[in-house]
Amino acid sequence: MSELFGTLPDGTEVHRWTLERGGTRVEILTYGGIVRSVEVPDREGRTADVVLGFAGLDGYLAHPEPYLGALVGRYANRIAGARFPLDDAVYALEPNEGPHLLHGGARGFDKRVWEAAAVEHGVRLARVSPHGEEGFPGRLDVAVTYTLDASGALRIAYEATTDAPTVVALTSHGYFNLAGSGAGSAAGHELRLAASRLTAIDGDLIPTGELREVTGSRFDFRTPREVGTGYDHNFVLDKGVTLVPEEVAELHHPSCGRTLTVSTTEPGLQLYTGDHLPAPFAPCDGIALETQHFPDSPNHPDFPSTVLRPGEVYRSETVYGFSVR
């Protein structure tokens, strides 16, 4: 089901698509591919929205930087110095976080209106990112499909092709609070994460190239424990890149019983505890679990490659499952 959600200052209409199946109700916006809400029951059958979002379009336009629920690209996370080498060239991008590029640039995929079409149990968003957009080479044809399966799990499938060598890494930037949006800090959630290493970072959150062991540190979530605060790190998933989604994380809220599982084809997951969420939200109101390739991969040949060439198809898939216990 689709309905008008709002209008951009230039007159472009933004629509909201509502999906409902298996006890889950999800709203997707054509602006930024935003997952505006995800409503699921707790152990008592009480339904709540478990992702942070704004009631109207004005909220997203006024507060773009948290990337609330947004589809992020062309490149999720950071590229150091807003430049990268590819083949025999070095490409200069448009920096938007000091000297670096973050989440695709100042007008990344999160600030574009996507064409929408209904698919079985979901919606398919598509757009063409022209050669040179935010400095990236090659025309990129992108499609992202959001569907609900019979169990109520939200499946996000990404696909892209290019007419020239480029780099691409996409993700969805939802902030989860399983107690319900507006319920206060999410720092008390329990997290399990199948990652024995992380990408070490410098003061600008740029990877140094070291893959650091988590054993004995506050980054070891291989056994479930309370999340706390102070995380904005990419974890190296033990499974690596896979052809089909494999479960890599579980987030649980003990009081209400809601449980989120994350399965993905991606090799990394960014854990961000929302420590810098601006008003009207408070720090740590939600926890982001962004499945991804590693930050700054184009500048680290030893990291899993994000290069896409003509004739190839970029594919990535992540599934957010919901249950109670």
C-alpha atoms as a PDB file:
ATOM      1  CA  MET A   1       0.000   0.000   0.000  1.00  0.00           C
ATOM      2  CA  SER A   2       1.339   3.431  -0.968  1.00  0.00           C
ATOM      3  CA  GLU A   3       0.277   6.921   0.098  1.00  0.00           C
ATOM      4  CA  LEU A   4       1.635  10.455  -0.071  1.00  0.00           C
ATOM      5  CA  PHE A   5       3.959  11.183   2.876  1.00  0.00           C
ATOM      6  CA  GLY A   6       5.066  14.704   2.017  1.00  0.00           C
ATOM      7  CA  THR A   7       6.518  17.047  -0.567  1.00  0.00           C
ATOM      8  CA  LEU A   8      10.087  18.303  -0.933  1.00  0.00           C
ATOM      9  CA  PRO A   9      10.735  22.052  -1.296  1.00  0.00           C
ATOM     10  CA  ASP A  10      11.142  21.564  -5.066  1.00  0.00           C
ATOM     11  CA  GLY A  11       7.693  19.990  -5.305  1.00  0.00           C
ATOM     12  CA  THR A  12       8.831  16.354  -5.568  1.00  0.00           C
ATOM     13  CA  GLU A  13       6.384  14.004  -3.905  1.00  0.00           C
ATOM     14  CA  VAL A  14       7.551  11.467  -1.307  1.00  0.00           C
ATOM     15  CA  HIS A  15       5.480   8.336  -0.780  1.00  0.00           C
ATOM     16  CA  ARG A  16       5.201   5.912   2.106  1.00  0.00           C
ATOM     17  CA  TRP A  17       4.834   2.202   1.427  1.00  0.00           C
ATOM     18  CA  THR A  18       3.358   0.033   4.176  1.00  0.00           C
ATOM     19  CA  LEU A  19       4.168  -3.675   4.363  1.00  0.00           C
ATOM     20  CA  GLU A  20       2.424  -6.036   6.777  1.00  0.00           C
ATOM     21  CA  ARG A  21       2.981  -9.759   7.221  1.00  0.00           C
ATOM     22  CA  GLY A  22       3.720 -12.316   9.926  1.00  0.00           C
ATOM     23  CA  GLY A  23       2.970  -9.908  12.777  1.00  0.00           C
ATOM     24  CA  THR A  24       5.347  -7.205  11.500  1.00  0.00           C
ATOM     25  CA  ARG A  25       4.300  -3.847  10.052  1.00  0.00           C
ATOM     26  CA  VAL A  26       6.962  -1.788   8.216  1.00  0.00           C
ATOM     27  CA  GLU A  27       6.893   1.633   6.568  1.00  0.00           C
ATOM     28  CA  ILE A  28       9.348   2.484   3.756  1.00  0.00           C
ATOM     29  CA  LEU A  29       9.783   5.980   2.291  1.00  0.00           C
ATOM     30  CA  THR A  30      10.735   6.733  -1.295  1.00  0.00           C
ATOM     31  CA  TYR A  31      12.887   9.548   0.105  1.00  0.00           C
ATOM     32  CA  GLY A  32      16.221   8.005   1.032  1.00  0.00           C
ATOM     33  CA  GLY A  33      14.850   4.469   1.063  1.00  0.00           C
ATOM     34  CA  ILE A  34      14.148   5.167   4.722  1.00  0.00           C
ATOM     35  CA  VAL A  35      12.757   2.445   6.973  1.00  0.00           C
ATOM     36  CA  ARG A  36      10.516   4.814   8.908  1.00  0.00           C
ATOM     37  CA  SER A  37       8.993   2.312  11.323  1.00  0.00           C
ATOM     38  CA  VAL A  38       9.000  -1.360  12.253  1.00  0.00           C
ATOM     39  CA  GLU A  39       6.159  -2.444  14.534  1.00  0.00           C
ATOM     40  CA  VAL A  40       6.419  -5.826  16.280  1.00  0.00           C
ATOM     41  CA  PRO A  41       4.830  -7.354  19.428  1.00  0.00           C
ATOM     42  CA  ASP A  42       6.529  -8.058  22.752  1.00  0.00           C
ATOM     43  CA  ARG A  43       6.062 -11.223  24.846  1.00  0.00           C
ATOM     44  CA  GLU A  44       2.695  -9.899  26.086  1.00  0.00           C
ATOM     45  CA  GLY A  45       1.495  -9.199  22.548  1.00  0.00           C
ATOM     46  CA  ARG A  46       1.848  -5.420  22.887  1.00  0.00           C
ATOM     47  CA  THR A  47       3.008  -3.785  19.660  1.00  0.00           C
ATOM     48  CA  ALA A  48       5.589  -1.011  19.479  1.00  0.00           C
ATOM     49  CA  ASP A  49       7.721   0.695  16.842  1.00  0.00           C
ATOM     50  CA  VAL A  50      11.293  -0.540  17.396  1.00  0.00           C
ATOM     51  CA  VAL A  51      13.218   1.825  15.092  1.00  0.00           C
ATOM     52  CA  LEU A  52      13.813   5.544  15.484  1.00  0.00           C
ATOM     53  CA  GLY A  53      12.061   7.784  12.993  1.00  0.00           C
ATOM     54  CA  PHE A  54      10.225  11.039  12.445  1.00  0.00           C
ATOM     55  CA  ALA A  55       6.481  11.425  12.118  1.00  0.00           C
ATOM     56  CA  GLY A  56       6.757  13.669   9.058  1.00  0.00           C
ATOM     57  CA  LEU A  57       9.087  14.450   6.159  1.00  0.00           C
ATOM     58  CA  ASP A  58      10.159  17.755   7.737  1.00  0.00           C
ATOM     59  CA  GLY A  59      11.947  15.870  10.502  1.00  0.00           C
ATOM     60  CA  TYR A  60      14.167  14.022   8.041  1.00  0.00           C
ATOM     61  CA  LEU A  61      14.944  17.202   6.109  1.00  0.00           C
ATOM     62  CA  ALA A  62      15.806  19.130   9.276  1.00  0.00           C
ATOM     63  CA  HIS A  63      17.916  16.325  10.806  1.00  0.00           C
ATOM     64  CA  PRO A  64      19.744  14.490   7.993  1.00  0.00           C
ATOM     65  CA  GLU A  65      22.973  13.602   9.781  1.00  0.00           C
ATOM     66  CA  PRO A  66      21.764  10.692  11.938  1.00  0.00           C
ATOM     67  CA  TYR A  67      20.742   8.907   8.681  1.00  0.00           C
ATOM     68  CA  LEU A  68      17.710   7.554  10.549  1.00  0.00           C
ATOM     69  CA  GLY A  69      16.669   4.329   8.830  1.00  0.00           C
ATOM     70  CA  ALA A  70      18.197   5.509   5.552  1.00  0.00           C
ATOM     71  CA  LEU A  71      19.553   3.640   2.569  1.00  0.00           C
ATOM     72  CA  VAL A  72      23.216   4.623   2.495  1.00  0.00           C
ATOM     73  CA  GLY A  73      25.426   4.793  -0.616  1.00  0.00           C
ATOM     74  CA  ARG A  74      27.226   4.888  -2.932  1.00  0.00           C
ATOM     75  CA  TYR A  75      29.641   4.000  -0.195  1.00  0.00           C
ATOM     76  CA  ALA A  76      28.541   3.260   3.359  1.00  0.00           C
ATOM     77  CA  ASN A  77      30.810   4.484   6.140  1.00  0.00           C
ATOM     78  CA  ARG A  78      34.037   6.410   5.474  1.00  0.00           C
ATOM     79  CA  ILE A  79      36.584   6.848   2.696  1.00  0.00           C
ATOM     80  CA  ALA A  80      39.754   8.504   4.012  1.00  0.00           C
ATOM     81  CA  GLY A  81      40.707  11.824   2.494  1.00  0.00           C
ATOM     82  CA  ALA A  82      37.664  11.539   0.185  1.00  0.00           C
ATOM     83  CA  ARG A  83      39.822   9.871  -2.458  1.00  0.00           C
ATOM     84  CA  PHE A  84      40.733   6.388  -3.616  1.00  0.00           C
ATOM     85  CA  PRO A  85      42.831   4.687  -6.300  1.00  0.00           C
ATOM     86  CA  LEU A  86      41.266   2.435  -8.922  1.00  0.00           C
ATOM     87  CA  ASP A  87      43.201   0.921 -11.788  1.00  0.00           C
ATOM     88  CA  ASP A  88      45.428   3.734 -13.117  1.00  0.00           C
ATOM     89  CA  ALA A  89      43.500   6.669 -11.679  1.00  0.00           C
ATOM     90  CA  VAL A  90      42.893   8.369  -8.337  1.00  0.00           C
ATOM     91  CA  TYR A  91      39.348   9.636  -7.831  1.00  0.00           C
ATOM     92  CA  ALA A  92      38.623  12.718  -5.730  1.00  0.00           C
ATOM     93  CA  LEU A  93      35.224  12.655  -4.000  1.00  0.00           C
ATOM     94  CA  GLU A  94      33.230  15.379  -2.279  1.00  0.00           C
ATOM     95  CA  PRO A  95      34.236  15.398   1.425  1.00  0.00           C
ATOM     96  CA  ASN A  96      31.440  15.864   3.936  1.00  0.00           C
ATOM     97  CA  GLU A  97      33.068  14.932   7.265  1.00  0.00           C
ATOM     98  CA  GLY A  98      36.142  17.103   7.576  1.00  0.00           C
ATOM     99  CA  PRO A  99      38.542  15.891   4.853  1.00  0.00           C
ATOM    100  CA  HIS A 100      36.764  12.519   4.566  1.00  0.00           C
ATOM    101  CA  LEU A 101      33.723  11.151   2.778  1.00  0.00           C
ATOM    102  CA  LEU A 102      30.954   9.690   4.950  1.00  0.00           C
ATOM    103  CA  HIS A 103      27.991   7.620   3.720  1.00  0.00           C
ATOM    104  CA  GLY A 104      28.282   8.615   0.080  1.00  0.00           C
ATOM    105  CA  GLY A 105      28.715  12.365   0.476  1.00  0.00           C
ATOM    106  CA  ALA A 106      26.618  15.432   1.174  1.00  0.00           C
ATOM    107  CA  ARG A 107      23.869  14.220  -1.211  1.00  0.00           C
ATOM    108  CA  GLY A 108      24.197  10.496  -0.995  1.00  0.00           C
ATOM    109  CA  PHE A 109      21.489   7.925  -1.629  1.00  0.00           C
ATOM    110  CA  ASP A 110      19.829   8.869   1.676  1.00  0.00           C
ATOM    111  CA  LYS A 111      18.839  12.283   0.233  1.00  0.00           C
ATOM    112  CA  ARG A 112      17.476  11.096  -3.119  1.00  0.00           C
ATOM    113  CA  VAL A 113      13.928  10.212  -4.119  1.00  0.00           C
ATOM    114  CA  TRP A 114      13.681   6.677  -5.490  1.00  0.00           C
ATOM    115  CA  GLU A 115      11.277   5.209  -8.025  1.00  0.00           C
ATOM    116  CA  ALA A 116       9.060   2.605  -6.338  1.00  0.00           C
ATOM    117  CA  ALA A 117       7.241  -0.439  -7.649  1.00  0.00           C
ATOM    118  CA  ALA A 118       5.245  -3.090  -5.830  1.00  0.00           C
ATOM    119  CA  VAL A 119       6.638  -6.624  -5.632  1.00  0.00           C
ATOM    120  CA  GLU A 120       5.207  -9.662  -3.887  1.00  0.00           C
ATOM    121  CA  HIS A 121       5.125  -8.908  -0.128  1.00  0.00           C
ATOM    122  CA  GLY A 122       7.192  -5.762  -0.597  1.00  0.00           C
ATOM    123  CA  VAL A 123       8.442  -2.786  -2.580  1.00  0.00           C
ATOM    124  CA  ARG A 124      11.356  -2.307  -4.981  1.00  0.00           C
ATOM    125  CA  LEU A 125      13.162   1.043  -5.050  1.00  0.00           C
ATOM    126  CA  ALA A 126      15.392   1.980  -7.986  1.00  0.00           C
ATOM    127  CA  ARG A 127      17.429   4.923  -9.264  1.00  0.00           C
ATOM    128  CA  VAL A 128      20.316   5.733 -11.562  1.00  0.00           C
ATOM    129  CA  SER A 129      23.334   7.361  -9.949  1.00  0.00           C
ATOM    130  CA  PRO A 130      25.012   9.221 -12.826  1.00  0.00           C
ATOM    131  CA  HIS A 131      28.734   9.206 -13.514  1.00  0.00           C
ATOM    132  CA  GLY A 132      30.418  11.792 -11.282  1.00  0.00           C
ATOM    133  CA  GLU A 133      27.722  11.922  -8.585  1.00  0.00           C
ATOM    134  CA  GLU A 134      29.582  13.005  -5.429  1.00  0.00           C
ATOM    135  CA  GLY A 135      32.763  12.278  -7.428  1.00  0.00           C
ATOM    136  CA  PHE A 136      32.214   8.550  -7.971  1.00  0.00           C
ATOM    137  CA  PRO A 137      33.057   7.172 -11.417  1.00  0.00           C
ATOM    138  CA  GLY A 138      30.619   5.274 -13.610  1.00  0.00           C
ATOM    139  CA  ARG A 139      26.868   5.275 -14.023  1.00  0.00           C
ATOM    140  CA  LEU A 140      25.393   3.035 -11.319  1.00  0.00           C
ATOM    141  CA  ASP A 141      21.979   1.418 -11.804  1.00  0.00           C
ATOM    142  CA  VAL A 142      20.724   0.486  -8.326  1.00  0.00           C
ATOM    143  CA  ALA A 143      17.720  -1.465  -7.060  1.00  0.00           C
ATOM    144  CA  VAL A 144      16.874  -2.219  -3.434  1.00  0.00           C
ATOM    145  CA  THR A 145      14.000  -4.553  -2.575  1.00  0.00           C
ATOM    146  CA  TYR A 146      12.303  -4.597   0.834  1.00  0.00           C
ATOM    147  CA  THR A 147      10.103  -7.614   1.578  1.00  0.00           C
ATOM    148  CA  LEU A 148       8.505  -9.302   4.585  1.00  0.00           C
ATOM    149  CA  ASP A 149       8.615 -13.089   4.772  1.00  0.00           C
ATOM    150  CA  ALA A 150       5.979 -15.320   6.368  1.00  0.00           C
ATOM    151  CA  SER A 151       7.656 -15.019   9.786  1.00  0.00           C
ATOM    152  CA  GLY A 152       7.619 -11.212   9.675  1.00  0.00           C
ATOM    153  CA  ALA A 153      11.347 -10.847   8.964  1.00  0.00           C
ATOM    154  CA  LEU A 154      12.405  -7.793   6.958  1.00  0.00           C
ATOM    155  CA  ARG A 155      14.626  -8.737   4.023  1.00  0.00           C
ATOM    156  CA  ILE A 156      16.638  -6.034   2.226  1.00  0.00           C
ATOM    157  CA  ALA A 157      18.221  -7.102  -1.060  1.00  0.00           C
ATOM    158  CA  TYR A 158      20.590  -4.752  -2.910  1.00  0.00           C
ATOM    159  CA  GLU A 159      21.625  -4.987  -6.563  1.00  0.00           C
ATOM    160  CA  ALA A 160      23.705  -2.704  -8.799  1.00  0.00           C
ATOM    161  CA  THR A 161      25.461  -2.613 -12.168  1.00  0.00           C
ATOM    162  CA  THR A 162      27.875  -0.098 -13.655  1.00  0.00           C
ATOM    163  CA  ASP A 163      29.141   1.024 -17.061  1.00  0.00           C
ATOM    164  CA  ALA A 164      32.649   1.806 -15.782  1.00  0.00           C
ATOM    165  CA  PRO A 165      34.878   0.534 -12.951  1.00  0.00           C
ATOM    166  CA  THR A 166      33.751   1.979  -9.630  1.00  0.00           C
ATOM    167  CA  VAL A 167      33.339   1.134  -5.943  1.00  0.00           C
ATOM    168  CA  VAL A 168      30.052   0.454  -4.186  1.00  0.00           C
ATOM    169  CA  ALA A 169      28.997  -0.537  -0.658  1.00  0.00           C
ATOM    170  CA  LEU A 170      25.397  -0.151   0.498  1.00  0.00           C
ATOM    171  CA  THR A 171      23.629  -0.525   3.839  1.00  0.00           C
ATOM    172  CA  SER A 172      20.514   0.402   5.798  1.00  0.00           C
ATOM    173  CA  HIS A 173      21.105   2.731   8.743  1.00  0.00           C
ATOM    174  CA  GLY A 174      18.287   1.827  11.144  1.00  0.00           C
ATOM    175  CA  TYR A 175      18.536   2.563  14.868  1.00  0.00           C
ATOM    176  CA  PHE A 176      16.860  -0.118  16.981  1.00  0.00           C
ATOM    177  CA  ASN A 177      15.315   0.197  20.414  1.00  0.00           C
ATOM    178  CA  LEU A 178      13.456  -3.010  21.150  1.00  0.00           C
ATOM    179  CA  ALA A 179      11.696  -1.441  24.130  1.00  0.00           C
ATOM    180  CA  GLY A 180      10.059   0.912  21.627  1.00  0.00           C
ATOM    181  CA  SER A 181      10.956   4.223  20.056  1.00  0.00           C
ATOM    182  CA  GLY A 182      10.836   6.863  22.766  1.00  0.00           C
ATOM    183  CA  ALA A 183      11.380   4.342  25.580  1.00  0.00           C
ATOM    184  CA  GLY A 184      14.721   5.859  26.620  1.00  0.00           C
ATOM    185  CA  SER A 185      18.254   4.560  26.366  1.00  0.00           C
ATOM    186  CA  ALA A 186      18.924   1.343  24.458  1.00  0.00           C
ATOM    187  CA  ALA A 187      22.242   0.828  26.258  1.00  0.00           C
ATOM    188  CA  GLY A 188      20.771  -1.959  28.407  1.00  0.00           C
ATOM    189  CA  HIS A 189      20.093  -4.245  25.453  1.00  0.00           C
ATOM    190  CA  GLU A 190      22.007  -7.512  25.302  1.00  0.00           C
ATOM    191  CA  LEU A 191      24.068  -8.164  22.178  1.00  0.00           C
ATOM    192  CA  ARG A 192      25.640 -11.248  20.672  1.00  0.00           C
ATOM    193  CA  LEU A 193      27.955 -10.687  17.728  1.00  0.00           C
ATOM    194  CA  ALA A 194      29.865 -13.390  15.843  1.00  0.00           C
ATOM    195  CA  ALA A 195      33.073 -11.426  15.382  1.00  0.00           C
ATOM    196  CA  SER A 196      36.471 -12.184  16.879  1.00  0.00           C
ATOM    197  CA  ARG A 197      38.148  -9.130  15.305  1.00  0.00           C
ATOM    198  CA  LEU A 198      37.431  -5.520  14.437  1.00  0.00           C
ATOM    199  CA  THR A 199      39.017  -2.947  12.158  1.00  0.00           C
ATOM    200  CA  ALA A 200      41.198  -0.730  14.374  1.00  0.00           C
ATOM    201  CA  ILE A 201      40.589   2.988  13.792  1.00  0.00           C
ATOM    202  CA  ASP A 202      42.311   6.328  14.296  1.00  0.00           C
ATOM    203  CA  GLY A 203      40.876   9.480  15.856  1.00  0.00           C
ATOM    204  CA  ASP A 204      38.807  10.208  12.749  1.00  0.00           C
ATOM    205  CA  LEU A 205      37.269   6.703  12.818  1.00  0.00           C
ATOM    206  CA  ILE A 206      39.329   5.729   9.757  1.00  0.00           C
ATOM    207  CA  PRO A 207      40.680   2.153   9.686  1.00  0.00           C
ATOM    208  CA  THR A 208      44.419   1.861  10.253  1.00  0.00           C
ATOM    209  CA  GLY A 209      44.546  -1.461   8.386  1.00  0.00           C
ATOM    210  CA  GLU A 210      44.969  -3.564  11.535  1.00  0.00           C
ATOM    211  CA  LEU A 211      42.417  -6.292  12.215  1.00  0.00           C
ATOM    212  CA  ARG A 212      42.465  -6.366  16.015  1.00  0.00           C
ATOM    213  CA  GLU A 213      41.437  -9.323  18.163  1.00  0.00           C
ATOM    214  CA  VAL A 214      38.548  -8.603  20.545  1.00  0.00           C
ATOM    215  CA  THR A 215      39.424 -11.266  23.135  1.00  0.00           C
ATOM    216  CA  GLY A 216      39.552  -9.808  26.644  1.00  0.00           C
ATOM    217  CA  SER A 217      38.278  -6.393  25.529  1.00  0.00           C
ATOM    218  CA  ARG A 218      34.988  -4.506  25.704  1.00  0.00           C
ATOM    219  CA  PHE A 219      34.501  -5.396  22.041  1.00  0.00           C
ATOM    220  CA  ASP A 220      34.017  -9.102  22.673  1.00  0.00           C
ATOM    221  CA  PHE A 221      30.321  -9.860  22.178  1.00  0.00           C
ATOM    222  CA  ARG A 222      30.723 -13.486  21.157  1.00  0.00           C
ATOM    223  CA  THR A 223      28.899 -14.335  24.386  1.00  0.00           C
ATOM    224  CA  PRO A 224      25.758 -12.204  24.866  1.00  0.00           C
ATOM    225  CA  ARG A 225      26.194  -9.233  27.202  1.00  0.00           C
ATOM    226  CA  GLU A 226      24.906  -5.727  27.783  1.00  0.00           C
ATOM    227  CA  VAL A 227      25.905  -3.304  25.045  1.00  0.00           C
ATOM    228  CA  GLY A 228      26.614  -0.145  27.024  1.00  0.00           C
ATOM    229  CA  THR A 229      27.747   2.974  25.154  1.00  0.00           C
ATOM    230  CA  GLY A 230      30.735   4.304  23.259  1.00  0.00           C
ATOM    231  CA  TYR A 231      30.707   2.117  20.160  1.00  0.00           C
ATOM    232  CA  ASP A 232      31.138   3.225  16.556  1.00  0.00           C
ATOM    233  CA  HIS A 233      33.219   0.354  15.196  1.00  0.00           C
ATOM    234  CA  ASN A 234      33.256  -2.070  12.293  1.00  0.00           C
ATOM    235  CA  PHE A 235      33.387  -5.698  13.405  1.00  0.00           C
ATOM    236  CA  VAL A 236      34.989  -8.317  11.156  1.00  0.00           C
ATOM    237  CA  LEU A 237      32.398 -11.060  10.944  1.00  0.00           C
ATOM    238  CA  ASP A 238      33.876 -14.523  11.401  1.00  0.00           C
ATOM    239  CA  LYS A 239      31.874 -15.915   8.475  1.00  0.00           C
ATOM    240  CA  GLY A 240      33.333 -13.496   5.889  1.00  0.00           C
ATOM    241  CA  VAL A 241      31.527 -12.812   2.594  1.00  0.00           C
ATOM    242  CA  THR A 242      28.804 -15.376   1.848  1.00  0.00           C
ATOM    243  CA  LEU A 243      26.447 -16.017  -1.063  1.00  0.00           C
ATOM    244  CA  VAL A 244      23.387 -16.265   1.191  1.00  0.00           C
ATOM    245  CA  PRO A 245      22.648 -14.456   4.474  1.00  0.00           C
ATOM    246  CA  GLU A 246      24.018 -16.119   7.606  1.00  0.00           C
ATOM    247  CA  GLU A 247      23.082 -15.107  11.155  1.00  0.00           C
ATOM    248  CA  VAL A 248      25.749 -12.882  12.708  1.00  0.00           C
ATOM    249  CA  ALA A 249      24.073 -10.939  15.520  1.00  0.00           C
ATOM    250  CA  GLU A 250      21.277 -11.000  18.067  1.00  0.00           C
ATOM    251  CA  LEU A 251      19.958  -8.025  20.024  1.00  0.00           C
ATOM    252  CA  HIS A 252      17.641  -8.726  22.968  1.00  0.00           C
ATOM    253  CA  HIS A 253      15.669  -6.580  25.396  1.00  0.00           C
ATOM    254  CA  PRO A 254      15.210  -8.615  28.601  1.00  0.00           C
ATOM    255  CA  SER A 255      12.272  -6.675  30.017  1.00  0.00           C
ATOM    256  CA  CYS A 256       9.905  -6.864  27.045  1.00  0.00           C
ATOM    257  CA  GLY A 257      11.340 -10.016  25.466  1.00  0.00           C
ATOM    258  CA  ARG A 258      11.704  -8.637  21.941  1.00  0.00           C
ATOM    259  CA  THR A 259      14.649 -10.122  20.073  1.00  0.00           C
ATOM    260  CA  LEU A 260      16.233  -9.025  16.803  1.00  0.00           C
ATOM    261  CA  THR A 261      18.446 -11.323  14.733  1.00  0.00           C
ATOM    262  CA  VAL A 262      20.643 -10.043  11.905  1.00  0.00           C
ATOM    263  CA  SER A 263      21.653 -12.273   9.005  1.00  0.00           C
ATOM    264  CA  THR A 264      23.741 -11.010   6.099  1.00  0.00           C
ATOM    265  CA  THR A 265      25.977 -11.810   3.152  1.00  0.00           C
ATOM    266  CA  GLU A 266      28.322  -8.977   4.176  1.00  0.00           C
ATOM    267  CA  PRO A 267      31.752  -9.420   5.855  1.00  0.00           C
ATOM    268  CA  GLY A 268      31.381  -6.575   8.365  1.00  0.00           C
ATOM    269  CA  LEU A 269      28.938  -4.973  10.779  1.00  0.00           C
ATOM    270  CA  GLN A 270      29.143  -1.468  12.188  1.00  0.00           C
ATOM    271  CA  LEU A 271      27.968  -1.255  15.786  1.00  0.00           C
ATOM    272  CA  TYR A 272      27.002   2.332  16.573  1.00  0.00           C
ATOM    273  CA  THR A 273      25.369   3.048  19.909  1.00  0.00           C
ATOM    274  CA  GLY A 274      24.040   6.430  18.835  1.00  0.00           C
ATOM    275  CA  ASP A 275      26.164   8.398  21.283  1.00  0.00           C
ATOM    276  CA  HIS A 276      25.860  11.527  19.125  1.00  0.00           C
ATOM    277  CA  LEU A 277      22.177  11.398  18.253  1.00  0.00           C
ATOM    278  CA  PRO A 278      20.919  14.996  18.184  1.00  0.00           C
ATOM    279  CA  ALA A 279      17.666  16.397  19.593  1.00  0.00           C
ATOM    280  CA  PRO A 280      14.834  15.529  19.545  1.00  0.00           C
ATOM    281  CA  PHE A 281      16.542  12.231  20.375  1.00  0.00           C
ATOM    282  CA  ALA A 282      18.955  11.625  23.216  1.00  0.00           C
ATOM    283  CA  PRO A 283      22.330   9.884  23.037  1.00  0.00           C
ATOM    284  CA  CYS A 284      21.972   6.083  22.859  1.00  0.00           C
ATOM    285  CA  ASP A 285      18.224   6.149  22.178  1.00  0.00           C
ATOM    286  CA  GLY A 286      18.885   3.551  19.481  1.00  0.00           C
ATOM    287  CA  ILE A 287      21.525   1.055  18.369  1.00  0.00           C
ATOM    288  CA  ALA A 288      22.584   0.800  14.725  1.00  0.00           C
ATOM    289  CA  LEU A 289      23.692  -2.581  13.372  1.00  0.00           C
ATOM    290  CA  GLU A 290      24.855  -1.703   9.848  1.00  0.00           C
ATOM    291  CA  THR A 291      25.854  -4.681   7.718  1.00  0.00           C
ATOM    292  CA  GLN A 292      28.593  -3.632   5.318  1.00  0.00           C
ATOM    293  CA  HIS A 293      31.918  -4.088   3.622  1.00  0.00           C
ATOM    294  CA  PHE A 294      34.720  -2.523   5.635  1.00  0.00           C
ATOM    295  CA  PRO A 295      35.137   1.270   5.886  1.00  0.00           C
ATOM    296  CA  ASP A 296      37.797   2.716   3.566  1.00  0.00           C
ATOM    297  CA  SER A 297      38.198  -0.587   1.716  1.00  0.00           C
ATOM    298  CA  PRO A 298      39.239   1.135  -1.551  1.00  0.00           C
ATOM    299  CA  ASN A 299      42.381   2.355   0.243  1.00  0.00           C
ATOM    300  CA  HIS A 300      43.184  -1.039   1.835  1.00  0.00           C
ATOM    301  CA  PRO A 301      44.006  -3.745  -0.724  1.00  0.00           C
ATOM    302  CA  ASP A 302      43.921  -6.427   1.990  1.00  0.00           C
ATOM    303  CA  PHE A 303      40.274  -5.670   2.860  1.00  0.00           C
ATOM    304  CA  PRO A 304      37.456  -7.439   0.977  1.00  0.00           C
ATOM    305  CA  SER A 305      37.105  -5.641  -2.341  1.00  0.00           C
ATOM    306  CA  THR A 306      34.290  -3.196  -3.084  1.00  0.00           C
ATOM    307  CA  VAL A 307      35.230  -2.761  -6.755  1.00  0.00           C
ATOM    308  CA  LEU A 308      32.443  -3.259  -9.293  1.00  0.00           C
ATOM    309  CA  ARG A 309      33.203  -3.556 -13.018  1.00  0.00           C
ATOM    310  CA  PRO A 310      31.059  -3.545 -16.152  1.00  0.00           C
ATOM    311  CA  GLY A 311      29.439  -6.936 -16.696  1.00  0.00           C
ATOM    312  CA  GLU A 312      29.396  -7.719 -12.964  1.00  0.00           C
ATOM    313  CA  VAL A 313      26.420  -7.462 -10.596  1.00  0.00           C
ATOM    314  CA  TYR A 314      26.766  -6.147  -7.062  1.00  0.00           C
ATOM    315  CA  ARG A 315      24.555  -8.139  -4.715  1.00  0.00           C
ATOM    316  CA  SER A 316      24.097  -7.892  -0.977  1.00  0.00           C
ATOM    317  CA  GLU A 317      21.339  -9.119   1.313  1.00  0.00           C
ATOM    318  CA  THR A 318      20.477  -8.588   4.951  1.00  0.00           C
ATOM    319  CA  VAL A 319      17.585 -10.033   6.959  1.00  0.00           C
ATOM    320  CA  TYR A 320      16.241  -8.578  10.214  1.00  0.00           C
ATOM    321  CA  GLY A 321      14.249 -11.218  12.069  1.00  0.00           C
ATOM    322  CA  PHE A 322      11.948 -10.531  15.032  1.00  0.00           C
ATOM    323  CA  SER A 323      10.836 -12.845  17.824  1.00  0.00           C
ATOM    324  CA  VAL A 324      10.176 -12.865  21.581  1.00  0.00           C
ATOM    325  CA  ARG A 325      11.512 -14.886  24.471  1.00  0.00           C
END
